[in-house]
């Protein structure tokens, strides 16, 4: 599974692929999820009124708006910030990921979602 999507409004190309757990390298532009997530439909969208995410390390949802304000994301960037989601928000690109679909020590393979600036 190698899926590539270009988000014109944000100028970012996303690549989703299944990789070995040993290839996990922390980066602002990449997140790693339990490989079972690869079986779900993953969407890239903009934020919506009332969006919430369960931040990594938390058990309860937090308003996306509050996270963006706390992280000092400029108002002009908030509406074009890519939101990676299934039925729940998985990742506010470059800002915050969910506590859902954490990689466990039992995972040999993981789902890597990476974004990079792209030209057109």
C-alpha atoms as a PDB file:
ATOM      1  CA  UNK A   1       0.000   0.000   0.000  1.00  0.00           C
ATOM      2  CA  UNK A   2       1.574   3.237  -1.191  1.00  0.00           C
ATOM      3  CA  UNK A   3      -0.936   6.025  -1.577  1.00  0.00           C
ATOM      4  CA  UNK A   4      -0.026   9.573  -2.528  1.00  0.00           C
ATOM      5  CA  UNK A   5      -2.359  12.583  -2.334  1.00  0.00           C
ATOM      6  CA  UNK A   6      -1.640  16.217  -3.173  1.00  0.00           C
ATOM      7  CA  UNK A   7      -3.476  18.912  -1.207  1.00  0.00           C
ATOM      8  CA  UNK A   8      -3.324  21.977  -3.472  1.00  0.00           C
ATOM      9  CA  UNK A   9      -4.631  24.495  -0.903  1.00  0.00           C
ATOM     10  CA  UNK A  10      -1.850  23.624   1.535  1.00  0.00           C
ATOM     11  CA  UNK A  11       0.815  22.847  -1.088  1.00  0.00           C
ATOM     12  CA  UNK A  12       1.552  19.535   0.619  1.00  0.00           C
ATOM     13  CA  UNK A  13       1.907  16.050  -0.833  1.00  0.00           C
ATOM     14  CA  UNK A  14       0.993  13.191   1.516  1.00  0.00           C
ATOM     15  CA  UNK A  15       2.284   9.641   1.250  1.00  0.00           C
ATOM     16  CA  UNK A  16       0.804   6.751   3.220  1.00  0.00           C
ATOM     17  CA  UNK A  17       2.762   3.518   3.273  1.00  0.00           C
ATOM     18  CA  UNK A  18       3.276   0.451   5.411  1.00  0.00           C
ATOM     19  CA  UNK A  19       6.818   0.285   6.731  1.00  0.00           C
ATOM     20  CA  UNK A  20       8.829  -1.775   9.183  1.00  0.00           C
ATOM     21  CA  UNK A  21       8.729  -0.658  12.804  1.00  0.00           C
ATOM     22  CA  UNK A  22      12.506  -0.157  12.583  1.00  0.00           C
ATOM     23  CA  UNK A  23      11.921   2.651  10.036  1.00  0.00           C
ATOM     24  CA  UNK A  24      10.091   4.813  12.593  1.00  0.00           C
ATOM     25  CA  UNK A  25      11.940   8.117  12.856  1.00  0.00           C
ATOM     26  CA  UNK A  26      10.355  11.012  14.747  1.00  0.00           C
ATOM     27  CA  UNK A  27       9.593  13.978  12.533  1.00  0.00           C
ATOM     28  CA  UNK A  28       7.221  16.946  12.508  1.00  0.00           C
ATOM     29  CA  UNK A  29       6.131  15.909   8.996  1.00  0.00           C
ATOM     30  CA  UNK A  30       5.479  12.205   9.669  1.00  0.00           C
ATOM     31  CA  UNK A  31       3.355  10.171  12.050  1.00  0.00           C
ATOM     32  CA  UNK A  32       3.162   6.433  12.648  1.00  0.00           C
ATOM     33  CA  UNK A  33       0.004   4.495  13.439  1.00  0.00           C
ATOM     34  CA  UNK A  34      -1.024   0.915  14.203  1.00  0.00           C
ATOM     35  CA  UNK A  35      -1.061  -0.947  10.889  1.00  0.00           C
ATOM     36  CA  UNK A  36      -4.762  -1.840  11.368  1.00  0.00           C
ATOM     37  CA  UNK A  37      -5.556   1.762  10.416  1.00  0.00           C
ATOM     38  CA  UNK A  38      -4.528   0.927   6.831  1.00  0.00           C
ATOM     39  CA  UNK A  39      -7.781  -1.036   6.493  1.00  0.00           C
ATOM     40  CA  UNK A  40      -9.876   2.108   7.058  1.00  0.00           C
ATOM     41  CA  UNK A  41     -10.690   4.910   4.661  1.00  0.00           C
ATOM     42  CA  UNK A  42      -8.418   7.819   5.519  1.00  0.00           C
ATOM     43  CA  UNK A  43      -9.407  11.306   4.394  1.00  0.00           C
ATOM     44  CA  UNK A  44      -7.516  14.560   4.210  1.00  0.00           C
ATOM     45  CA  UNK A  45      -9.743  17.557   4.785  1.00  0.00           C
ATOM     46  CA  UNK A  46      -9.826  21.008   6.320  1.00  0.00           C
ATOM     47  CA  UNK A  47     -11.044  21.580   9.850  1.00  0.00           C
ATOM     48  CA  UNK A  48     -14.745  21.843  10.499  1.00  0.00           C
ATOM     49  CA  UNK A  49     -16.797  23.654  13.115  1.00  0.00           C
ATOM     50  CA  UNK A  50     -16.880  21.591  16.317  1.00  0.00           C
ATOM     51  CA  UNK A  51     -13.965  19.265  15.395  1.00  0.00           C
ATOM     52  CA  UNK A  52     -12.388  17.449  18.336  1.00  0.00           C
ATOM     53  CA  UNK A  53      -9.355  15.198  18.722  1.00  0.00           C
ATOM     54  CA  UNK A  54      -8.174  12.917  21.529  1.00  0.00           C
ATOM     55  CA  UNK A  55      -4.564  14.210  21.792  1.00  0.00           C
ATOM     56  CA  UNK A  56      -1.713  11.755  22.253  1.00  0.00           C
ATOM     57  CA  UNK A  57      -1.406  10.915  25.945  1.00  0.00           C
ATOM     58  CA  UNK A  58      -4.981  12.002  26.709  1.00  0.00           C
ATOM     59  CA  UNK A  59      -8.184  10.031  27.132  1.00  0.00           C
ATOM     60  CA  UNK A  60     -10.757  12.744  26.448  1.00  0.00           C
ATOM     61  CA  UNK A  61     -11.394  14.849  23.329  1.00  0.00           C
ATOM     62  CA  UNK A  62     -10.246  18.454  23.021  1.00  0.00           C
ATOM     63  CA  UNK A  63     -11.579  21.073  20.600  1.00  0.00           C
ATOM     64  CA  UNK A  64      -9.323  21.486  17.549  1.00  0.00           C
ATOM     65  CA  UNK A  65      -9.874  25.251  17.751  1.00  0.00           C
ATOM     66  CA  UNK A  66      -8.396  25.300  21.286  1.00  0.00           C
ATOM     67  CA  UNK A  67      -5.346  23.278  20.194  1.00  0.00           C
ATOM     68  CA  UNK A  68      -4.668  25.623  17.269  1.00  0.00           C
ATOM     69  CA  UNK A  69      -4.932  28.679  19.513  1.00  0.00           C
ATOM     70  CA  UNK A  70      -2.716  27.123  22.205  1.00  0.00           C
ATOM     71  CA  UNK A  71      -0.093  26.230  19.567  1.00  0.00           C
ATOM     72  CA  UNK A  72      -0.234  29.792  18.177  1.00  0.00           C
ATOM     73  CA  UNK A  73      -1.202  28.667  14.672  1.00  0.00           C
ATOM     74  CA  UNK A  74      -2.015  31.892  12.777  1.00  0.00           C
ATOM     75  CA  UNK A  75      -5.671  32.399  11.831  1.00  0.00           C
ATOM     76  CA  UNK A  76      -4.692  32.437   8.138  1.00  0.00           C
ATOM     77  CA  UNK A  77      -3.196  28.933   8.398  1.00  0.00           C
ATOM     78  CA  UNK A  78      -5.963  27.326  10.477  1.00  0.00           C
ATOM     79  CA  UNK A  79      -8.391  26.873   7.590  1.00  0.00           C
ATOM     80  CA  UNK A  80      -5.816  25.342   5.231  1.00  0.00           C
ATOM     81  CA  UNK A  81      -4.141  23.114   7.827  1.00  0.00           C
ATOM     82  CA  UNK A  82      -4.668  19.528   6.622  1.00  0.00           C
ATOM     83  CA  UNK A  83      -6.696  17.306   8.946  1.00  0.00           C
ATOM     84  CA  UNK A  84      -6.058  13.577   8.488  1.00  0.00           C
ATOM     85  CA  UNK A  85      -9.104  11.617   9.630  1.00  0.00           C
ATOM     86  CA  UNK A  86     -11.273   8.540   9.475  1.00  0.00           C
ATOM     87  CA  UNK A  87     -14.473   8.974  11.470  1.00  0.00           C
ATOM     88  CA  UNK A  88     -12.168  10.515  14.088  1.00  0.00           C
ATOM     89  CA  UNK A  89      -9.353  12.995  13.631  1.00  0.00           C
ATOM     90  CA  UNK A  90      -6.003  11.210  13.532  1.00  0.00           C
ATOM     91  CA  UNK A  91      -3.600  14.083  12.974  1.00  0.00           C
ATOM     92  CA  UNK A  92      -3.623  17.852  12.729  1.00  0.00           C
ATOM     93  CA  UNK A  93      -0.720  17.966  10.301  1.00  0.00           C
ATOM     94  CA  UNK A  94       2.447  19.190  12.001  1.00  0.00           C
ATOM     95  CA  UNK A  95       0.576  20.130  15.189  1.00  0.00           C
ATOM     96  CA  UNK A  96      -1.005  17.232  17.123  1.00  0.00           C
ATOM     97  CA  UNK A  97      -1.790  13.549  16.639  1.00  0.00           C
ATOM     98  CA  UNK A  98      -4.413  11.387  18.259  1.00  0.00           C
ATOM     99  CA  UNK A  99      -3.974   8.878  21.048  1.00  0.00           C
ATOM    100  CA  UNK A 100      -5.912   6.396  18.887  1.00  0.00           C
ATOM    101  CA  UNK A 101      -4.090   3.781  16.761  1.00  0.00           C
ATOM    102  CA  UNK A 102      -0.887   3.960  18.803  1.00  0.00           C
ATOM    103  CA  UNK A 103       1.935   1.709  17.673  1.00  0.00           C
ATOM    104  CA  UNK A 104       2.476  -1.069  20.185  1.00  0.00           C
ATOM    105  CA  UNK A 105       5.512  -3.211  20.777  1.00  0.00           C
ATOM    106  CA  UNK A 106       3.629  -6.037  19.044  1.00  0.00           C
ATOM    107  CA  UNK A 107       3.630  -4.172  15.710  1.00  0.00           C
ATOM    108  CA  UNK A 108       6.284  -5.351  13.245  1.00  0.00           C
ATOM    109  CA  UNK A 109       4.716  -3.172  10.550  1.00  0.00           C
ATOM    110  CA  UNK A 110       3.286   0.323  10.974  1.00  0.00           C
ATOM    111  CA  UNK A 111       1.365   2.795   8.840  1.00  0.00           C
ATOM    112  CA  UNK A 112       3.475   5.857   8.076  1.00  0.00           C
ATOM    113  CA  UNK A 113       1.777   9.034   6.893  1.00  0.00           C
ATOM    114  CA  UNK A 114       4.206  11.717   5.749  1.00  0.00           C
ATOM    115  CA  UNK A 115       3.624  15.173   4.338  1.00  0.00           C
ATOM    116  CA  UNK A 116       6.056  17.255   2.358  1.00  0.00           C
ATOM    117  CA  UNK A 117       5.912  20.617   0.636  1.00  0.00           C
ATOM    118  CA  UNK A 118       5.272  20.169  -3.067  1.00  0.00           C
ATOM    119  CA  UNK A 119       5.257  22.389  -6.125  1.00  0.00           C
ATOM    120  CA  UNK A 120       1.933  22.323  -7.939  1.00  0.00           C
END
